[in-house]
Every structure is written in structure tokens, then in C-alpha cells.
Protein backbone atom coordinates (compact mmCIF):
# COMPACT_ATOMS: atom_id res chain seq x y z
CA UNK A 1 1.94 -5.06 59.06
CA UNK A 2 -1.08 -3.02 58.38
CA UNK A 3 -3.27 -3.20 55.31
CA UNK A 4 -2.07 0.23 54.05
CA UNK A 5 1.56 -0.86 54.24
CA UNK A 6 0.82 -4.04 52.23
CA UNK A 7 -1.03 -2.00 49.57
CA UNK A 8 1.92 0.41 49.26
CA UNK A 9 4.38 -2.49 48.80
CA UNK A 10 2.15 -4.06 46.13
CA UNK A 11 1.81 -0.68 44.38
CA UNK A 12 5.60 -0.19 44.41
CA UNK A 13 6.16 -3.68 42.96
CA UNK A 14 3.54 -3.02 40.24
CA UNK A 15 5.18 0.31 39.38
CA UNK A 16 8.62 -1.31 39.10
CA UNK A 17 7.17 -4.02 36.81
CA UNK A 18 5.51 -1.35 34.65
CA UNK A 19 8.78 0.60 34.34
CA UNK A 20 10.66 -2.58 33.42
CA UNK A 21 8.05 -3.47 30.78
CA UNK A 22 8.17 0.06 29.33
CA UNK A 23 11.98 -0.03 29.15
CA UNK A 24 11.91 -3.48 27.51
CA UNK A 25 9.33 -2.34 24.95
CA UNK A 26 11.31 0.84 24.15
CA UNK A 27 14.58 -1.06 23.67
CA UNK A 28 12.84 -3.74 21.58
CA UNK A 29 11.15 -1.10 19.40
CA UNK A 30 14.35 0.89 18.80
CA UNK A 31 16.61 -2.07 18.04
CA UNK A 32 14.17 -4.22 16.04
CA UNK A 33 15.00 -4.62 12.35
CA UNK A 34 12.37 -3.45 9.88
CA UNK A 35 11.39 -6.50 7.89
CA UNK A 36 9.19 -6.09 4.83
CA UNK A 37 5.74 -7.55 5.09
CA UNK A 38 4.80 -9.68 2.10
CA UNK A 39 1.22 -10.28 1.06
CA UNK A 40 -0.23 -12.84 -1.28
CA UNK A 41 -2.55 -11.20 -3.82
CA UNK A 42 -4.88 -14.17 -3.67
CA UNK A 43 -5.70 -13.26 -0.07
CA UNK A 44 -7.40 -10.06 -1.20
CA UNK A 45 -9.22 -10.98 -4.43
CA UNK A 46 -9.70 -13.85 -6.77
CA UNK A 47 -7.07 -13.69 -9.43
CA UNK A 48 -7.29 -15.20 -12.88
CA UNK A 49 -3.74 -15.33 -14.15
CA UNK A 50 -4.88 -15.95 -17.75
CA UNK A 51 -4.90 -12.27 -18.67
CA UNK A 52 -5.11 -11.10 -22.24
CA UNK A 53 -2.94 -8.11 -23.12
CA UNK A 54 -4.54 -5.73 -25.58
CA UNK A 55 -2.57 -2.85 -27.03
CA UNK A 56 -4.53 0.31 -27.74
CA UNK A 57 -3.26 3.05 -30.00
CA UNK A 58 -3.96 6.50 -28.59
CA UNK A 59 -3.31 8.40 -31.81
CA UNK A 60 -5.80 8.13 -34.67
CA UNK A 61 -4.44 6.89 -37.95
CA UNK A 62 -3.76 9.63 -40.47
CA UNK A 63 -5.30 9.40 -43.89
CA UNK A 64 -2.92 9.31 -46.81
CA UNK A 65 -2.31 12.70 -48.44
CA UNK A 66 -3.92 11.63 -51.72
CA UNK A 67 -7.24 10.89 -50.02
CA UNK A 68 -7.16 14.27 -48.25
CA UNK A 69 -6.59 16.04 -51.55
CA UNK A 70 -9.43 14.09 -53.18
CA UNK A 71 -11.82 15.05 -50.34
CA UNK A 72 -10.84 18.72 -50.66
CA UNK A 73 -11.37 18.58 -54.42
CA UNK A 74 -14.83 17.02 -53.92
CA UNK A 75 -15.81 19.75 -51.47
CA UNK A 76 -14.71 22.47 -53.88
CA UNK A 77 -16.63 20.85 -56.73
CA UNK A 78 -19.85 20.84 -54.71
């Protein structure tokens, strides 16, 4: 056997192995179940679980009608 013939045989075997690996990877990728990946929040940042909940009112409180009338009367008097 010559050196060229040995190289061709090795190249053919390598090509067959590559095709088998590609087919295995494709089948594995297509038939694999998608499992959710869960992360622990403490892995990303320090977490203090003693949080204080503060409610904020977006709307300003309305003044009673009597006070509005008194302010209008004071403005007219001035």
C-alpha cells in the first residue's frame, strides 16, 4: 500500500465519522424535549427578602367643596 492510498482510507473513515456525528446531533436536536431552565435569583444579585410594601396614591386628594367655595369668596373679596 502506498502512502496516498492510506491517506485516502483515513480520509474516508473520518468523513463517515463526521456524517454519523452530524446525523446523531440532528436526531438528538429534533427529538429532544424542551425543558425549562430555572435560575435562582440569588445567583444574580444579593436579595433581601425583608421588603417593605409602600402604597402610593397617584391621584391628589380633592379638597372639600366648602373649602373651595371659601377660597373663591376670599379671592373675590380681595
